[in-house]
Amino acid sequence: MNRFLKTAVSLVAALAVAPAAAIVNIEAVRHADLKPGVSGDVGMALNSISSSSDEMRTRINGRLDYIHASSHSFAVARGAYNEVNDTIRRRGMLHLRHVQTLADVVSPYEARFNMELFGQSARDDYSSLRKRSLLGAGLRVNRPFTDGFDHALGTALMSEWRQEIQADEKNNRNIGRGNFYLNLGAEIGDTVDTGFTGYFQPKLNEWGDFSAIGEFFVDKGLTEQLSLRFIAGVVHDSTPPPGDHSTREEYGFRLIYEFGR
């Protein structure tokens, strides 16, 4: 417990001072089937991205979870590296989230309704969208349609801060956005999981200005703690930073090692 608190405090401090990238699929790294206590995973991914320039991107991911009584707190960190036109491109992201229910359950994912608080910070040293940070709160509804399969709906309001670099000038903006997501999941046999996540993040006073994600994944368990994930997705930004395309496609593989489960 003390180790987790020290780590959480460090991550909160980093979030407060660190820079924050475009829309990120947090559902892809959330685990709703964890046991009470501390757990997490680390992984390495290789992604192929088709957009304004074709890229091969190497990514390192880490996640730390703490489930206690009717709450789930977790932190996600991600770093990416690649080269574009002989230029080294580095990205970093940190996301913190707390899920809370008032129901008397072991895990909040056993309850129908949960409240969520979250913050995120990301940076891209190459893109004109240099920094993006956000704070938000919302409601998550588990299995709203039927208990026959695993799915969830989420809705939230968030405040977004963006720093864009244009002609060596910094342009800072504060934007109010909505955050809506649908997460679907299913098990195929004992060692294969599959799922889909869709995100929609519109500007509150102009819904035609939005970011969106559609992402499909398949997980194959290799051992009790090691798994391989295939990901295919589309990311859309209706008002992309200068020099970027509005839509990009991503395909990749991620090797994941889980601990504490």
C-alpha atoms as a PDB file:
ATOM      1  CA  MET A   1       0.000   0.000   0.000  1.00  0.00           C
ATOM      2  CA  ASN A   2       2.767   2.480   0.943  1.00  0.00           C
ATOM      3  CA  ARG A   3       4.579   1.709  -2.283  1.00  0.00           C
ATOM      4  CA  PHE A   4       1.419   2.361  -4.289  1.00  0.00           C
ATOM      5  CA  LEU A   5       0.777   5.677  -2.493  1.00  0.00           C
ATOM      6  CA  LYS A   6       4.329   6.850  -3.145  1.00  0.00           C
ATOM      7  CA  THR A   7       3.990   5.941  -6.822  1.00  0.00           C
ATOM      8  CA  ALA A   8       0.598   7.635  -7.095  1.00  0.00           C
ATOM      9  CA  VAL A   9       1.911  10.822  -5.460  1.00  0.00           C
ATOM     10  CA  SER A  10       4.847  10.864  -7.869  1.00  0.00           C
ATOM     11  CA  LEU A  11       2.523  10.467 -10.837  1.00  0.00           C
ATOM     12  CA  VAL A  12       0.226  13.254  -9.624  1.00  0.00           C
ATOM     13  CA  ALA A  13       3.207  15.544  -9.236  1.00  0.00           C
ATOM     14  CA  ALA A  14       4.384  14.661 -12.725  1.00  0.00           C
ATOM     15  CA  LEU A  15       0.939  15.385 -14.125  1.00  0.00           C
ATOM     16  CA  ALA A  16       0.909  18.795 -12.497  1.00  0.00           C
ATOM     17  CA  VAL A  17       4.161  19.914 -14.114  1.00  0.00           C
ATOM     18  CA  ALA A  18       4.599  17.679 -17.166  1.00  0.00           C
ATOM     19  CA  PRO A  19       3.590  18.606 -20.655  1.00  0.00           C
ATOM     20  CA  ALA A  20       0.167  16.446 -21.990  1.00  0.00           C
ATOM     21  CA  ALA A  21      -1.085  14.172 -27.222  1.00  0.00           C
ATOM     22  CA  ALA A  22      -4.100  13.930 -29.203  1.00  0.00           C
ATOM     23  CA  ILE A  23      -7.016  11.694 -28.221  1.00  0.00           C
ATOM     24  CA  VAL A  24      -5.914   8.472 -26.491  1.00  0.00           C
ATOM     25  CA  ASN A  25      -7.873   5.223 -26.089  1.00  0.00           C
ATOM     26  CA  ILE A  26      -7.759   4.624 -22.333  1.00  0.00           C
ATOM     27  CA  GLU A  27     -10.251   1.743 -22.607  1.00  0.00           C
ATOM     28  CA  ALA A  28      -7.566  -0.259 -24.429  1.00  0.00           C
ATOM     29  CA  VAL A  29      -5.477  -0.362 -21.246  1.00  0.00           C
ATOM     30  CA  ARG A  30      -8.215  -0.439 -18.586  1.00  0.00           C
ATOM     31  CA  HIS A  31      -8.738  -3.789 -16.821  1.00  0.00           C
ATOM     32  CA  ALA A  32     -12.171  -4.399 -15.289  1.00  0.00           C
ATOM     33  CA  ASP A  33     -11.467  -7.972 -14.123  1.00  0.00           C
ATOM     34  CA  LEU A  34      -8.742  -7.254 -11.571  1.00  0.00           C
ATOM     35  CA  LYS A  35      -8.694  -8.570  -8.019  1.00  0.00           C
ATOM     36  CA  PRO A  36      -8.430  -6.183  -5.033  1.00  0.00           C
ATOM     37  CA  GLY A  37      -4.910  -4.901  -4.433  1.00  0.00           C
ATOM     38  CA  VAL A  38      -2.052  -3.595  -6.555  1.00  0.00           C
ATOM     39  CA  SER A  39      -1.342  -4.836 -10.076  1.00  0.00           C
ATOM     40  CA  GLY A  40      -0.161  -3.537 -13.428  1.00  0.00           C
ATOM     41  CA  ASP A  41       1.582  -4.290 -16.683  1.00  0.00           C
ATOM     42  CA  VAL A  42       4.408  -3.154 -18.921  1.00  0.00           C
ATOM     43  CA  GLY A  43       4.521  -3.572 -22.671  1.00  0.00           C
ATOM     44  CA  MET A  44       6.317  -2.728 -25.875  1.00  0.00           C
ATOM     45  CA  ALA A  45       4.533  -2.028 -29.160  1.00  0.00           C
ATOM     46  CA  LEU A  46       5.398  -1.584 -32.824  1.00  0.00           C
ATOM     47  CA  ASN A  47       2.868   0.442 -34.834  1.00  0.00           C
ATOM     48  CA  SER A  48       2.494   1.242 -38.519  1.00  0.00           C
ATOM     49  CA  ILE A  49       0.760   4.609 -39.081  1.00  0.00           C
ATOM     50  CA  SER A  50      -0.619   5.944 -42.362  1.00  0.00           C
ATOM     51  CA  SER A  51      -1.309   9.707 -42.379  1.00  0.00           C
ATOM     52  CA  SER A  52       0.461  12.818 -43.689  1.00  0.00           C
ATOM     53  CA  SER A  53       3.610  10.651 -43.579  1.00  0.00           C
ATOM     54  CA  ASP A  54       3.988   6.890 -43.229  1.00  0.00           C
ATOM     55  CA  GLU A  55       5.649   5.950 -39.954  1.00  0.00           C
ATOM     56  CA  MET A  56       6.855   2.974 -37.985  1.00  0.00           C
ATOM     57  CA  ARG A  57       6.579   3.858 -34.299  1.00  0.00           C
ATOM     58  CA  THR A  58       8.114   2.103 -31.279  1.00  0.00           C
ATOM     59  CA  ARG A  59       6.135   2.546 -28.068  1.00  0.00           C
ATOM     60  CA  ILE A  60       6.643   1.601 -24.420  1.00  0.00           C
ATOM     61  CA  ASN A  61       3.585   1.392 -22.158  1.00  0.00           C
ATOM     62  CA  GLY A  62       3.104   0.973 -18.429  1.00  0.00           C
ATOM     63  CA  ARG A  63       0.050   0.761 -16.180  1.00  0.00           C
ATOM     64  CA  LEU A  64      -0.390   0.624 -12.396  1.00  0.00           C
ATOM     65  CA  ASP A  65      -3.725  -0.269 -10.730  1.00  0.00           C
ATOM     66  CA  TYR A  66      -5.096  -0.221  -7.213  1.00  0.00           C
ATOM     67  CA  ILE A  67      -8.533  -1.702  -6.487  1.00  0.00           C
ATOM     68  CA  HIS A  68      -9.926  -1.252  -2.987  1.00  0.00           C
ATOM     69  CA  ALA A  69     -13.525  -1.798  -1.840  1.00  0.00           C
ATOM     70  CA  SER A  70     -15.675   0.092  -4.355  1.00  0.00           C
ATOM     71  CA  SER A  71     -12.970   2.074  -6.158  1.00  0.00           C
ATOM     72  CA  HIS A  72     -10.344   1.630  -8.851  1.00  0.00           C
ATOM     73  CA  SER A  73      -7.436   4.048  -9.255  1.00  0.00           C
ATOM     74  CA  PHE A  74      -4.981   3.629 -12.089  1.00  0.00           C
ATOM     75  CA  ALA A  75      -2.178   5.410 -13.902  1.00  0.00           C
ATOM     76  CA  VAL A  76      -1.099   4.901 -17.513  1.00  0.00           C
ATOM     77  CA  ALA A  77       2.226   6.131 -18.912  1.00  0.00           C
ATOM     78  CA  ARG A  78       3.329   5.915 -22.529  1.00  0.00           C
ATOM     79  CA  GLY A  79       6.415   6.939 -24.473  1.00  0.00           C
ATOM     80  CA  ALA A  80       6.951   6.675 -28.242  1.00  0.00           C
ATOM     81  CA  TYR A  81       9.923   7.108 -30.554  1.00  0.00           C
ATOM     82  CA  ASN A  82      10.330   7.163 -34.323  1.00  0.00           C
ATOM     83  CA  GLU A  83      12.045   9.021 -37.135  1.00  0.00           C
ATOM     84  CA  VAL A  84      10.231  11.153 -39.742  1.00  0.00           C
ATOM     85  CA  ASN A  85      12.247  12.602 -42.651  1.00  0.00           C
ATOM     86  CA  ASP A  86      15.480  12.036 -40.710  1.00  0.00           C
ATOM     87  CA  THR A  87      14.023  13.880 -37.712  1.00  0.00           C
ATOM     88  CA  ILE A  88      13.743  12.085 -34.375  1.00  0.00           C
ATOM     89  CA  ARG A  89      10.197  12.334 -33.020  1.00  0.00           C
ATOM     90  CA  ARG A  90       9.451  11.780 -29.325  1.00  0.00           C
ATOM     91  CA  ARG A  91       6.070  11.646 -27.586  1.00  0.00           C
ATOM     92  CA  GLY A  92       5.002  11.137 -24.002  1.00  0.00           C
ATOM     93  CA  MET A  93       1.671  10.724 -22.196  1.00  0.00           C
ATOM     94  CA  LEU A  94       0.512  10.315 -18.598  1.00  0.00           C
ATOM     95  CA  HIS A  95      -3.101   9.558 -17.637  1.00  0.00           C
ATOM     96  CA  LEU A  96      -4.571   9.281 -14.113  1.00  0.00           C
ATOM     97  CA  ARG A  97      -8.107   8.039 -13.410  1.00  0.00           C
ATOM     98  CA  HIS A  98     -10.225   7.254 -10.349  1.00  0.00           C
ATOM     99  CA  VAL A  99     -13.399   5.142 -10.660  1.00  0.00           C
ATOM    100  CA  GLN A 100     -15.817   5.227  -7.718  1.00  0.00           C
ATOM    101  CA  THR A 101     -19.201   3.678  -6.952  1.00  0.00           C
ATOM    102  CA  LEU A 102     -21.460   3.976  -3.928  1.00  0.00           C
ATOM    103  CA  ALA A 103     -22.541   0.338  -4.184  1.00  0.00           C
ATOM    104  CA  ASP A 104     -21.243  -2.236  -1.700  1.00  0.00           C
ATOM    105  CA  VAL A 105     -19.203  -4.344  -4.137  1.00  0.00           C
ATOM    106  CA  VAL A 106     -15.686  -5.740  -4.322  1.00  0.00           C
ATOM    107  CA  SER A 107     -14.968  -4.017  -7.656  1.00  0.00           C
ATOM    108  CA  PRO A 108     -16.710  -0.942  -9.132  1.00  0.00           C
ATOM    109  CA  TYR A 109     -17.162  -2.882 -12.381  1.00  0.00           C
ATOM    110  CA  GLU A 110     -19.676  -5.131 -10.636  1.00  0.00           C
ATOM    111  CA  ALA A 111     -21.918  -2.068 -10.154  1.00  0.00           C
ATOM    112  CA  ARG A 112     -24.074  -0.549 -12.893  1.00  0.00           C
ATOM    113  CA  PHE A 113     -23.076   3.087 -12.329  1.00  0.00           C
ATOM    114  CA  ASN A 114     -19.672   4.596 -11.527  1.00  0.00           C
ATOM    115  CA  MET A 115     -18.318   8.112 -11.233  1.00  0.00           C
ATOM    116  CA  GLU A 116     -14.962   8.860 -12.880  1.00  0.00           C
ATOM    117  CA  LEU A 117     -12.388  11.604 -12.301  1.00  0.00           C
ATOM    118  CA  PHE A 118      -9.427  11.854 -14.676  1.00  0.00           C
ATOM    119  CA  GLY A 119      -6.486  13.958 -15.786  1.00  0.00           C
ATOM    120  CA  GLN A 120      -4.097  13.630 -18.693  1.00  0.00           C
ATOM    121  CA  SER A 121      -0.950  15.317 -19.910  1.00  0.00           C
ATOM    122  CA  ALA A 122       0.892  14.667 -23.178  1.00  0.00           C
ATOM    123  CA  ARG A 123       3.615  16.126 -25.362  1.00  0.00           C
ATOM    124  CA  ASP A 124       4.799  15.749 -28.963  1.00  0.00           C
ATOM    125  CA  ASP A 125       8.125  17.433 -29.731  1.00  0.00           C
ATOM    126  CA  TYR A 126       7.510  17.233 -33.498  1.00  0.00           C
ATOM    127  CA  SER A 127       3.859  18.148 -34.065  1.00  0.00           C
ATOM    128  CA  SER A 128       2.557  21.721 -34.132  1.00  0.00           C
ATOM    129  CA  LEU A 129       0.193  20.529 -31.363  1.00  0.00           C
ATOM    130  CA  ARG A 130       3.051  20.513 -28.882  1.00  0.00           C
ATOM    131  CA  LYS A 131       1.228  20.019 -25.572  1.00  0.00           C
ATOM    132  CA  ARG A 132      -2.255  18.931 -24.519  1.00  0.00           C
ATOM    133  CA  SER A 133      -3.570  18.620 -20.970  1.00  0.00           C
ATOM    134  CA  LEU A 134      -7.048  17.934 -19.642  1.00  0.00           C
ATOM    135  CA  LEU A 135      -9.103  17.436 -16.493  1.00  0.00           C
ATOM    136  CA  GLY A 136     -12.557  15.872 -16.487  1.00  0.00           C
ATOM    137  CA  ALA A 137     -15.323  14.072 -14.626  1.00  0.00           C
ATOM    138  CA  GLY A 138     -18.114  11.821 -15.801  1.00  0.00           C
ATOM    139  CA  LEU A 139     -20.312   8.750 -15.493  1.00  0.00           C
ATOM    140  CA  ARG A 140     -19.545   5.173 -16.580  1.00  0.00           C
ATOM    141  CA  VAL A 141     -22.416   2.703 -17.040  1.00  0.00           C
ATOM    142  CA  ASN A 142     -21.464  -0.984 -17.041  1.00  0.00           C
ATOM    143  CA  ARG A 143     -23.566  -3.378 -19.169  1.00  0.00           C
ATOM    144  CA  PRO A 144     -26.378  -0.857 -19.866  1.00  0.00           C
ATOM    145  CA  PHE A 145     -28.081  -3.030 -22.492  1.00  0.00           C
ATOM    146  CA  THR A 146     -27.786  -6.590 -21.180  1.00  0.00           C
ATOM    147  CA  ASP A 147     -25.664  -8.705 -18.845  1.00  0.00           C
ATOM    148  CA  GLY A 148     -25.077 -11.177 -21.668  1.00  0.00           C
ATOM    149  CA  PHE A 149     -21.809  -9.622 -22.838  1.00  0.00           C
ATOM    150  CA  ASP A 150     -19.174  -7.215 -21.525  1.00  0.00           C
ATOM    151  CA  HIS A 151     -19.723  -3.596 -22.542  1.00  0.00           C
ATOM    152  CA  ALA A 152     -19.825  -0.089 -21.087  1.00  0.00           C
ATOM    153  CA  LEU A 153     -20.913   3.443 -21.955  1.00  0.00           C
ATOM    154  CA  GLY A 154     -19.135   6.544 -20.701  1.00  0.00           C
ATOM    155  CA  THR A 155     -19.919  10.245 -20.770  1.00  0.00           C
ATOM    156  CA  ALA A 156     -17.968  13.144 -19.295  1.00  0.00           C
ATOM    157  CA  LEU A 157     -17.210  16.853 -19.403  1.00  0.00           C
ATOM    158  CA  MET A 158     -13.604  17.988 -19.537  1.00  0.00           C
ATOM    159  CA  SER A 159     -11.482  21.113 -19.742  1.00  0.00           C
ATOM    160  CA  GLU A 160      -8.704  20.913 -22.339  1.00  0.00           C
ATOM    161  CA  TRP A 161      -5.594  23.087 -22.576  1.00  0.00           C
ATOM    162  CA  ARG A 162      -3.629  23.067 -25.840  1.00  0.00           C
ATOM    163  CA  GLN A 163      -0.354  24.659 -26.885  1.00  0.00           C
ATOM    164  CA  GLU A 164       0.190  24.917 -30.640  1.00  0.00           C
ATOM    165  CA  ILE A 165       3.390  26.111 -32.316  1.00  0.00           C
ATOM    166  CA  GLN A 166       2.956  28.057 -35.565  1.00  0.00           C
ATOM    167  CA  ALA A 167       5.823  29.992 -37.212  1.00  0.00           C
ATOM    168  CA  ASP A 168       7.796  29.753 -33.941  1.00  0.00           C
ATOM    169  CA  GLU A 169       4.904  31.376 -32.048  1.00  0.00           C
ATOM    170  CA  LYS A 170       3.103  29.684 -29.173  1.00  0.00           C
ATOM    171  CA  ASN A 171      -0.677  29.744 -29.201  1.00  0.00           C
ATOM    172  CA  ASN A 172      -2.382  28.582 -25.973  1.00  0.00           C
ATOM    173  CA  ARG A 173      -6.084  27.698 -25.924  1.00  0.00           C
ATOM    174  CA  ASN A 174      -8.571  26.461 -23.323  1.00  0.00           C
ATOM    175  CA  ILE A 175     -11.465  24.388 -24.696  1.00  0.00           C
ATOM    176  CA  GLY A 176     -14.477  22.760 -23.062  1.00  0.00           C
ATOM    177  CA  ARG A 177     -15.179  19.319 -24.531  1.00  0.00           C
ATOM    178  CA  GLY A 178     -17.519  16.397 -24.088  1.00  0.00           C
ATOM    179  CA  ASN A 179     -16.156  12.866 -23.885  1.00  0.00           C
ATOM    180  CA  PHE A 180     -18.307   9.907 -24.947  1.00  0.00           C
ATOM    181  CA  TYR A 181     -17.165   6.316 -25.374  1.00  0.00           C
ATOM    182  CA  LEU A 182     -18.495   2.825 -26.040  1.00  0.00           C
ATOM    183  CA  ASN A 183     -16.455  -0.215 -25.069  1.00  0.00           C
ATOM    184  CA  LEU A 184     -17.255  -3.783 -26.187  1.00  0.00           C
ATOM    185  CA  GLY A 185     -15.449  -6.948 -25.150  1.00  0.00           C
ATOM    186  CA  ALA A 186     -15.750 -10.705 -25.587  1.00  0.00           C
ATOM    187  CA  GLU A 187     -13.804 -13.868 -24.777  1.00  0.00           C
ATOM    188  CA  ILE A 188     -13.076 -16.446 -27.482  1.00  0.00           C
ATOM    189  CA  GLY A 189     -12.039 -19.634 -25.753  1.00  0.00           C
ATOM    190  CA  ASP A 190      -9.715 -19.577 -22.749  1.00  0.00           C
ATOM    191  CA  THR A 191      -6.812 -17.559 -24.164  1.00  0.00           C
ATOM    192  CA  VAL A 192      -8.244 -15.063 -26.687  1.00  0.00           C
ATOM    193  CA  ASP A 193      -9.984 -11.764 -25.892  1.00  0.00           C
ATOM    194  CA  THR A 194     -11.332  -9.323 -28.450  1.00  0.00           C
ATOM    195  CA  GLY A 195     -12.933  -5.913 -28.242  1.00  0.00           C
ATOM    196  CA  PHE A 196     -13.807  -2.579 -29.822  1.00  0.00           C
ATOM    197  CA  THR A 197     -13.710   0.971 -28.472  1.00  0.00           C
ATOM    198  CA  GLY A 198     -15.232   4.105 -29.988  1.00  0.00           C
ATOM    199  CA  TYR A 199     -14.534   7.620 -28.651  1.00  0.00           C
ATOM    200  CA  PHE A 200     -16.162  10.954 -29.592  1.00  0.00           C
ATOM    201  CA  GLN A 201     -14.852  14.208 -28.094  1.00  0.00           C
ATOM    202  CA  PRO A 202     -16.719  17.283 -29.425  1.00  0.00           C
ATOM    203  CA  LYS A 203     -16.089  20.917 -28.577  1.00  0.00           C
ATOM    204  CA  LEU A 204     -19.007  21.917 -26.356  1.00  0.00           C
ATOM    205  CA  ASN A 205     -19.922  25.098 -28.241  1.00  0.00           C
ATOM    206  CA  GLU A 206     -19.195  23.662 -31.716  1.00  0.00           C
ATOM    207  CA  TRP A 207     -19.902  19.955 -32.083  1.00  0.00           C
ATOM    208  CA  GLY A 208     -18.535  19.942 -35.636  1.00  0.00           C
ATOM    209  CA  ASP A 209     -15.088  20.448 -34.060  1.00  0.00           C
ATOM    210  CA  PHE A 210     -14.280  17.004 -32.647  1.00  0.00           C
ATOM    211  CA  SER A 211     -11.781  14.187 -32.258  1.00  0.00           C
ATOM    212  CA  ALA A 212     -12.757  10.521 -32.591  1.00  0.00           C
ATOM    213  CA  ILE A 213     -11.263   7.029 -32.359  1.00  0.00           C
ATOM    214  CA  GLY A 214     -12.431   3.643 -33.544  1.00  0.00           C
ATOM    215  CA  GLU A 215     -10.128   0.828 -32.422  1.00  0.00           C
ATOM    216  CA  PHE A 216     -10.339  -2.969 -32.614  1.00  0.00           C
ATOM    217  CA  PHE A 217      -8.043  -5.369 -30.757  1.00  0.00           C
ATOM    218  CA  VAL A 218      -7.381  -9.085 -30.287  1.00  0.00           C
ATOM    219  CA  ASP A 219      -5.406 -10.385 -27.286  1.00  0.00           C
ATOM    220  CA  LYS A 220      -3.770 -13.812 -27.355  1.00  0.00           C
ATOM    221  CA  GLY A 221      -2.552 -15.205 -24.023  1.00  0.00           C
ATOM    222  CA  LEU A 222       0.909 -16.749 -24.374  1.00  0.00           C
ATOM    223  CA  THR A 223       1.475 -17.584 -20.715  1.00  0.00           C
ATOM    224  CA  GLU A 224      -0.307 -16.744 -17.463  1.00  0.00           C
ATOM    225  CA  GLN A 225       1.382 -13.309 -17.409  1.00  0.00           C
ATOM    226  CA  LEU A 226       2.418 -12.683 -21.016  1.00  0.00           C
ATOM    227  CA  SER A 227       0.099 -11.824 -23.903  1.00  0.00           C
ATOM    228  CA  LEU A 228       0.279 -10.510 -27.473  1.00  0.00           C
ATOM    229  CA  ARG A 229      -2.164  -7.861 -28.730  1.00  0.00           C
ATOM    230  CA  PHE A 230      -3.031  -6.913 -32.327  1.00  0.00           C
ATOM    231  CA  ILE A 231      -4.542  -3.441 -32.807  1.00  0.00           C
ATOM    232  CA  ALA A 232      -6.200  -1.808 -35.826  1.00  0.00           C
ATOM    233  CA  GLY A 233      -7.706   1.652 -35.540  1.00  0.00           C
ATOM    234  CA  VAL A 234      -8.692   4.954 -37.147  1.00  0.00           C
ATOM    235  CA  VAL A 235      -8.157   8.356 -35.492  1.00  0.00           C
ATOM    236  CA  HIS A 236      -9.929  11.466 -36.818  1.00  0.00           C
ATOM    237  CA  ASP A 237      -9.466  15.137 -35.919  1.00  0.00           C
ATOM    238  CA  SER A 238     -11.905  17.489 -37.665  1.00  0.00           C
ATOM    239  CA  THR A 239      -9.515  20.454 -37.170  1.00  0.00           C
ATOM    240  CA  PRO A 240      -6.008  18.927 -37.283  1.00  0.00           C
ATOM    241  CA  PRO A 241      -2.860  20.923 -36.481  1.00  0.00           C
ATOM    242  CA  PRO A 242      -1.198  22.531 -39.545  1.00  0.00           C
ATOM    243  CA  GLY A 243       0.693  19.939 -41.570  1.00  0.00           C
ATOM    244  CA  ASP A 244      -1.279  16.959 -40.229  1.00  0.00           C
ATOM    245  CA  HIS A 245      -4.014  15.015 -42.013  1.00  0.00           C
ATOM    246  CA  SER A 246      -7.434  14.886 -40.412  1.00  0.00           C
ATOM    247  CA  THR A 247      -7.477  11.057 -40.416  1.00  0.00           C
ATOM    248  CA  ARG A 248      -4.801   8.475 -39.723  1.00  0.00           C
ATOM    249  CA  GLU A 249      -4.843   4.682 -39.659  1.00  0.00           C
ATOM    250  CA  GLU A 250      -2.854   2.625 -37.167  1.00  0.00           C
ATOM    251  CA  TYR A 251      -1.951  -1.061 -37.113  1.00  0.00           C
ATOM    252  CA  GLY A 252       0.337  -2.690 -34.642  1.00  0.00           C
ATOM    253  CA  PHE A 253       1.369  -5.375 -32.197  1.00  0.00           C
ATOM    254  CA  ARG A 254       1.981  -5.046 -28.483  1.00  0.00           C
ATOM    255  CA  LEU A 255       3.693  -7.506 -26.153  1.00  0.00           C
ATOM    256  CA  ILE A 256       2.329  -7.209 -22.586  1.00  0.00           C
ATOM    257  CA  TYR A 257       3.699  -8.534 -19.296  1.00  0.00           C
ATOM    258  CA  GLU A 258       1.243  -8.400 -16.360  1.00  0.00           C
ATOM    259  CA  PHE A 259       2.148  -8.541 -12.670  1.00  0.00           C
ATOM    260  CA  GLY A 260       0.279  -8.714  -9.383  1.00  0.00           C
ATOM    261  CA  ARG A 261      -2.873 -10.390 -10.814  1.00  0.00           C
END
